[in-house]
């Protein structure tokens, strides 16, 4: 089976989907203890890497997304599809799974 080489610039989400670069998880606790890989929680914050064109309304008009490339967002814990490109981790989400834009 041939390996497929993708980059963020070749991934274009469809509809109201967004492609989010996952932020690194915490390496140690507030008390200073280092966490092994198995104990780390899945991060819920990331940066928008690509956005789709938007969802179509009932009358066929595209509805623009509330987020844009570069926004830092908070998303639902168990939402989306995990994707790994090279050594970077991404998640493909629907816009409804984004909870907030983080400043």
C-alpha atoms as a PDB file:
ATOM      1  CA  UNK A   1       0.000   0.000   0.000  1.00  0.00           C
ATOM      2  CA  UNK A   2       1.425   3.405  -0.990  1.00  0.00           C
ATOM      3  CA  UNK A   3       1.831   6.121   1.606  1.00  0.00           C
ATOM      4  CA  UNK A   4      -0.101   9.323   0.981  1.00  0.00           C
ATOM      5  CA  UNK A   5       1.710  12.561   1.679  1.00  0.00           C
ATOM      6  CA  UNK A   6      -0.597  15.425   2.627  1.00  0.00           C
ATOM      7  CA  UNK A   7       0.018  18.925   3.884  1.00  0.00           C
ATOM      8  CA  UNK A   8      -2.345  21.406   5.498  1.00  0.00           C
ATOM      9  CA  UNK A   9      -2.512  23.387   2.253  1.00  0.00           C
ATOM     10  CA  UNK A  10      -3.885  20.320   0.406  1.00  0.00           C
ATOM     11  CA  UNK A  11      -6.660  19.689   2.949  1.00  0.00           C
ATOM     12  CA  UNK A  12      -9.820  21.678   2.219  1.00  0.00           C
ATOM     13  CA  UNK A  13     -12.773  21.062   4.550  1.00  0.00           C
ATOM     14  CA  UNK A  14     -16.249  20.848   3.036  1.00  0.00           C
ATOM     15  CA  UNK A  15     -19.448  22.534   4.205  1.00  0.00           C
ATOM     16  CA  UNK A  16     -19.315  23.867   7.757  1.00  0.00           C
ATOM     17  CA  UNK A  17     -16.249  21.801   8.706  1.00  0.00           C
ATOM     18  CA  UNK A  18     -13.015  23.290  10.097  1.00  0.00           C
ATOM     19  CA  UNK A  19      -9.491  21.843  10.292  1.00  0.00           C
ATOM     20  CA  UNK A  20      -7.884  22.579  13.678  1.00  0.00           C
ATOM     21  CA  UNK A  21      -4.214  22.221  14.670  1.00  0.00           C
ATOM     22  CA  UNK A  22      -4.267  20.660  18.139  1.00  0.00           C
ATOM     23  CA  UNK A  23      -2.325  22.487  20.876  1.00  0.00           C
ATOM     24  CA  UNK A  24       0.257  20.501  22.839  1.00  0.00           C
ATOM     25  CA  UNK A  25      -1.045  18.799  25.965  1.00  0.00           C
ATOM     26  CA  UNK A  26       0.330  19.633  29.393  1.00  0.00           C
ATOM     27  CA  UNK A  27       3.637  17.911  30.189  1.00  0.00           C
ATOM     28  CA  UNK A  28       3.323  18.261  33.966  1.00  0.00           C
ATOM     29  CA  UNK A  29       0.721  18.922  36.632  1.00  0.00           C
ATOM     30  CA  UNK A  30       0.288  22.139  38.617  1.00  0.00           C
ATOM     31  CA  UNK A  31       2.201  20.447  41.439  1.00  0.00           C
ATOM     32  CA  UNK A  32       5.197  19.826  39.167  1.00  0.00           C
ATOM     33  CA  UNK A  33       4.772  16.098  38.466  1.00  0.00           C
ATOM     34  CA  UNK A  34       5.561  14.984  34.896  1.00  0.00           C
ATOM     35  CA  UNK A  35       2.782  13.063  33.164  1.00  0.00           C
ATOM     36  CA  UNK A  36       3.376   9.911  31.074  1.00  0.00           C
ATOM     37  CA  UNK A  37       1.745   9.809  27.611  1.00  0.00           C
ATOM     38  CA  UNK A  38      -0.997   7.458  28.846  1.00  0.00           C
ATOM     39  CA  UNK A  39      -2.086   9.899  31.579  1.00  0.00           C
ATOM     40  CA  UNK A  40      -2.304  13.031  29.429  1.00  0.00           C
ATOM     41  CA  UNK A  41      -5.770  14.276  28.598  1.00  0.00           C
ATOM     42  CA  UNK A  42      -6.747  15.095  25.055  1.00  0.00           C
ATOM     43  CA  UNK A  43      -6.406  18.885  24.587  1.00  0.00           C
ATOM     44  CA  UNK A  44      -9.529  20.878  23.776  1.00  0.00           C
ATOM     45  CA  UNK A  45      -7.829  23.996  22.430  1.00  0.00           C
ATOM     46  CA  UNK A  46      -6.415  24.488  18.953  1.00  0.00           C
ATOM     47  CA  UNK A  47      -5.815  26.917  16.126  1.00  0.00           C
ATOM     48  CA  UNK A  48      -7.965  26.972  12.977  1.00  0.00           C
ATOM     49  CA  UNK A  49      -5.793  25.833  10.032  1.00  0.00           C
ATOM     50  CA  UNK A  50      -8.498  25.737   7.315  1.00  0.00           C
ATOM     51  CA  UNK A  51     -12.239  26.382   7.019  1.00  0.00           C
ATOM     52  CA  UNK A  52     -14.888  25.117   4.654  1.00  0.00           C
ATOM     53  CA  UNK A  53     -17.067  27.363   2.484  1.00  0.00           C
ATOM     54  CA  UNK A  54     -20.016  27.171   4.889  1.00  0.00           C
ATOM     55  CA  UNK A  55     -23.284  25.288   5.204  1.00  0.00           C
ATOM     56  CA  UNK A  56     -26.104  25.825   2.712  1.00  0.00           C
ATOM     57  CA  UNK A  57     -29.388  27.114   4.098  1.00  0.00           C
ATOM     58  CA  UNK A  58     -32.749  25.723   3.008  1.00  0.00           C
ATOM     59  CA  UNK A  59     -32.962  28.290   0.192  1.00  0.00           C
ATOM     60  CA  UNK A  60     -29.481  27.340  -1.129  1.00  0.00           C
ATOM     61  CA  UNK A  61     -27.524  30.341   0.158  1.00  0.00           C
ATOM     62  CA  UNK A  62     -24.148  29.673   1.829  1.00  0.00           C
ATOM     63  CA  UNK A  63     -23.979  30.679   5.497  1.00  0.00           C
ATOM     64  CA  UNK A  64     -20.557  32.081   6.381  1.00  0.00           C
ATOM     65  CA  UNK A  65     -18.725  30.489   9.332  1.00  0.00           C
ATOM     66  CA  UNK A  66     -18.175  32.438  12.571  1.00  0.00           C
ATOM     67  CA  UNK A  67     -14.504  31.361  12.748  1.00  0.00           C
ATOM     68  CA  UNK A  68     -11.577  32.099  10.423  1.00  0.00           C
ATOM     69  CA  UNK A  69      -8.063  30.754   9.843  1.00  0.00           C
ATOM     70  CA  UNK A  70      -5.791  31.713  12.738  1.00  0.00           C
ATOM     71  CA  UNK A  71      -8.507  31.833  15.425  1.00  0.00           C
ATOM     72  CA  UNK A  72      -7.700  29.951  18.632  1.00  0.00           C
ATOM     73  CA  UNK A  73     -10.743  27.903  19.637  1.00  0.00           C
ATOM     74  CA  UNK A  74     -12.093  25.712  22.425  1.00  0.00           C
ATOM     75  CA  UNK A  75     -13.930  22.624  21.148  1.00  0.00           C
ATOM     76  CA  UNK A  76     -15.928  19.697  22.565  1.00  0.00           C
ATOM     77  CA  UNK A  77     -13.838  16.951  24.158  1.00  0.00           C
ATOM     78  CA  UNK A  78     -15.088  13.994  22.114  1.00  0.00           C
ATOM     79  CA  UNK A  79     -15.891  15.820  18.874  1.00  0.00           C
ATOM     80  CA  UNK A  80     -14.313  15.506  15.458  1.00  0.00           C
ATOM     81  CA  UNK A  81     -11.960  13.165  13.657  1.00  0.00           C
ATOM     82  CA  UNK A  82      -8.296  12.987  14.674  1.00  0.00           C
ATOM     83  CA  UNK A  83      -5.824  13.310  11.785  1.00  0.00           C
ATOM     84  CA  UNK A  84      -2.023  13.162  11.876  1.00  0.00           C
ATOM     85  CA  UNK A  85      -0.031  14.875   9.102  1.00  0.00           C
ATOM     86  CA  UNK A  86       3.698  14.397   9.519  1.00  0.00           C
ATOM     87  CA  UNK A  87       4.438  14.981  13.196  1.00  0.00           C
ATOM     88  CA  UNK A  88       1.535  17.431  13.702  1.00  0.00           C
ATOM     89  CA  UNK A  89      -1.876  16.461  15.065  1.00  0.00           C
ATOM     90  CA  UNK A  90      -5.086  17.961  13.690  1.00  0.00           C
ATOM     91  CA  UNK A  91      -8.787  17.457  14.232  1.00  0.00           C
ATOM     92  CA  UNK A  92     -11.556  17.870  11.660  1.00  0.00           C
ATOM     93  CA  UNK A  93     -14.621  19.395  13.338  1.00  0.00           C
ATOM     94  CA  UNK A  94     -18.056  20.607  12.434  1.00  0.00           C
ATOM     95  CA  UNK A  95     -18.569  24.283  13.335  1.00  0.00           C
ATOM     96  CA  UNK A  96     -21.264  23.301  15.864  1.00  0.00           C
ATOM     97  CA  UNK A  97     -18.596  21.450  17.917  1.00  0.00           C
ATOM     98  CA  UNK A  98     -16.655  24.697  18.499  1.00  0.00           C
ATOM     99  CA  UNK A  99     -17.609  26.132  21.879  1.00  0.00           C
ATOM    100  CA  UNK A 100     -15.714  29.444  21.929  1.00  0.00           C
ATOM    101  CA  UNK A 101     -13.016  31.591  20.374  1.00  0.00           C
ATOM    102  CA  UNK A 102     -10.150  32.055  22.854  1.00  0.00           C
ATOM    103  CA  UNK A 103      -8.128  35.290  22.928  1.00  0.00           C
END
